[in-house]
Amino acid sequence: MTDRTEGAGHRPAPVHTHPDDVSFLTALSALADPVRLQLIRELAGHPDWTLSCSNFHVSVGRAAKSHHFSVLRDAGLVEQRDQGPKRINRLRREEFDARFPGLLDLALRPDTVE
């Protein structure tokens, strides 16, 4: 019997950067993009591991959304794991806040848009 995780449909597990390994400029750059900010805000409004990538309604295509999630992972803001065919997400709020106190709170304020 073949494992369903093998073969053409299998994608590699996401690589995560811990916030302790992220520079301030990388964090700011990740939060400066309106699409990424929208993704972070949606994540902040939901419990961990409840939103799959397809649950986010942003004005970009699937490939661009994947890129934005990669930038957020590289900045230590998001952790992702595969659950069946879906990739589910968690905002790494506690870890990010420990590295950059107050930055995420500032980015999540409603008056911080454009």
Protein backbone atom coordinates (compact mmCIF):
# COMPACT_ATOMS: atom_id res chain seq x y z
CA MET A 1 0.00 0.00 0.00
CA THR A 2 1.32 3.43 -0.95
CA ASP A 3 1.52 6.27 1.57
CA ARG A 4 -0.71 9.11 0.35
CA THR A 5 1.90 11.68 1.38
CA GLU A 6 4.34 10.40 -1.23
CA GLY A 7 4.31 11.15 -4.92
CA ALA A 8 3.55 14.09 -7.15
CA GLY A 9 0.91 15.61 -4.88
CA HIS A 10 3.16 15.79 -1.82
CA ARG A 11 4.61 19.14 -0.92
CA PRO A 12 7.50 19.67 1.45
CA ALA A 13 6.73 20.77 4.98
CA PRO A 14 7.08 24.52 5.47
CA VAL A 15 10.33 25.86 6.87
CA HIS A 16 9.97 28.20 9.84
CA THR A 17 12.28 30.90 11.13
CA HIS A 18 12.16 31.56 14.86
CA PRO A 19 11.58 35.23 15.69
CA ASP A 20 14.86 35.28 17.65
CA ASP A 21 16.64 34.84 14.31
CA VAL A 22 14.79 37.70 12.57
CA SER A 23 16.18 41.20 12.13
CA PHE A 24 14.08 44.24 12.91
CA LEU A 25 14.10 45.31 9.25
CA THR A 26 12.88 41.87 8.14
CA ALA A 27 10.02 42.07 10.64
CA LEU A 28 9.09 45.58 9.51
CA SER A 29 9.25 44.62 5.86
CA ALA A 30 6.94 41.64 6.41
CA LEU A 31 4.40 43.82 8.22
CA ALA A 32 4.62 46.70 5.73
CA ASP A 33 2.82 44.92 2.90
CA PRO A 34 -0.99 45.42 2.92
CA VAL A 35 -1.74 41.82 1.90
CA ARG A 36 0.51 40.38 4.60
CA LEU A 37 -0.95 42.75 7.14
CA GLN A 38 -4.43 41.55 6.20
CA LEU A 39 -3.32 37.92 6.60
CA ILE A 40 -1.88 38.69 10.04
CA ARG A 41 -5.03 40.52 11.11
CA GLU A 42 -7.25 37.63 10.06
CA LEU A 43 -5.01 35.19 11.94
CA ALA A 44 -5.06 37.38 15.05
CA GLY A 45 -8.85 37.20 15.08
CA HIS A 46 -9.02 33.39 15.14
CA PRO A 47 -7.76 30.64 17.46
CA ASP A 48 -4.51 28.89 16.52
CA TRP A 49 -4.68 26.20 13.87
CA THR A 50 -8.24 27.01 12.72
CA LEU A 51 -7.60 28.77 9.41
CA SER A 52 -6.30 27.02 6.34
CA CYS A 53 -4.68 29.05 3.60
CA SER A 54 -7.87 28.84 1.54
CA ASN A 55 -9.83 30.58 4.34
CA PHE A 56 -8.10 33.89 3.72
CA HIS A 57 -9.82 36.28 1.36
CA VAL A 58 -7.13 38.50 -0.08
CA SER A 59 -6.96 40.15 -3.49
CA VAL A 60 -4.11 38.02 -4.83
CA GLY A 61 -3.88 34.65 -6.56
CA ARG A 62 -2.86 31.39 -4.99
CA ALA A 63 0.83 31.66 -5.93
CA ALA A 64 1.09 35.20 -4.57
CA LYS A 65 -0.69 34.18 -1.37
CA SER A 66 1.81 31.33 -0.97
CA HIS A 67 4.66 33.83 -1.40
CA HIS A 68 3.17 36.14 1.25
CA PHE A 69 2.90 33.25 3.71
CA SER A 70 6.53 32.37 2.99
CA VAL A 71 7.58 35.93 3.83
CA LEU A 72 5.56 35.78 7.06
CA ARG A 73 7.19 32.45 8.01
CA ASP A 74 10.64 33.88 7.25
CA ALA A 75 9.85 36.84 9.52
CA GLY A 76 8.86 34.55 12.39
CA LEU A 77 5.24 35.70 12.35
CA VAL A 78 3.45 32.59 11.14
CA GLU A 79 3.76 28.89 11.74
CA GLN A 80 2.11 26.44 9.36
CA ARG A 81 1.50 22.72 9.33
CA ASP A 82 -0.16 20.36 6.94
CA GLN A 83 -3.37 18.69 7.99
CA GLY A 84 -4.46 16.35 5.22
CA PRO A 85 -4.70 18.39 2.02
CA LYS A 86 -4.86 21.70 3.91
CA ARG A 87 -2.13 23.89 5.32
CA ILE A 88 -3.28 25.40 8.58
CA ASN A 89 -1.83 28.44 10.30
CA ARG A 90 -1.00 29.97 13.63
CA LEU A 91 0.15 33.48 14.48
CA ARG A 92 3.34 33.20 16.53
CA ARG A 93 2.25 36.09 18.71
CA GLU A 94 3.94 35.11 21.96
CA GLU A 95 7.30 34.37 20.33
CA PHE A 96 7.16 37.45 18.11
CA ASP A 97 6.16 39.69 21.02
CA ALA A 98 9.10 38.40 23.05
CA ARG A 99 11.48 39.40 20.24
CA PHE A 100 9.77 42.67 19.21
CA PRO A 101 7.64 43.90 22.15
CA GLY A 102 4.70 46.03 21.01
CA LEU A 103 5.40 45.81 17.26
CA LEU A 104 2.62 43.35 16.50
CA ASP A 105 0.15 45.25 18.68
CA LEU A 106 0.96 48.40 16.72
CA ALA A 107 0.55 46.61 13.38
CA LEU A 108 -2.82 45.18 14.46
CA ARG A 109 -4.28 48.54 15.42
CA PRO A 110 -7.18 49.47 13.11
CA ASP A 111 -5.69 52.91 12.36
CA THR A 112 -2.43 51.38 11.04
CA VAL A 113 -3.66 50.82 7.50
CA GLU A 114 -1.96 52.67 4.66
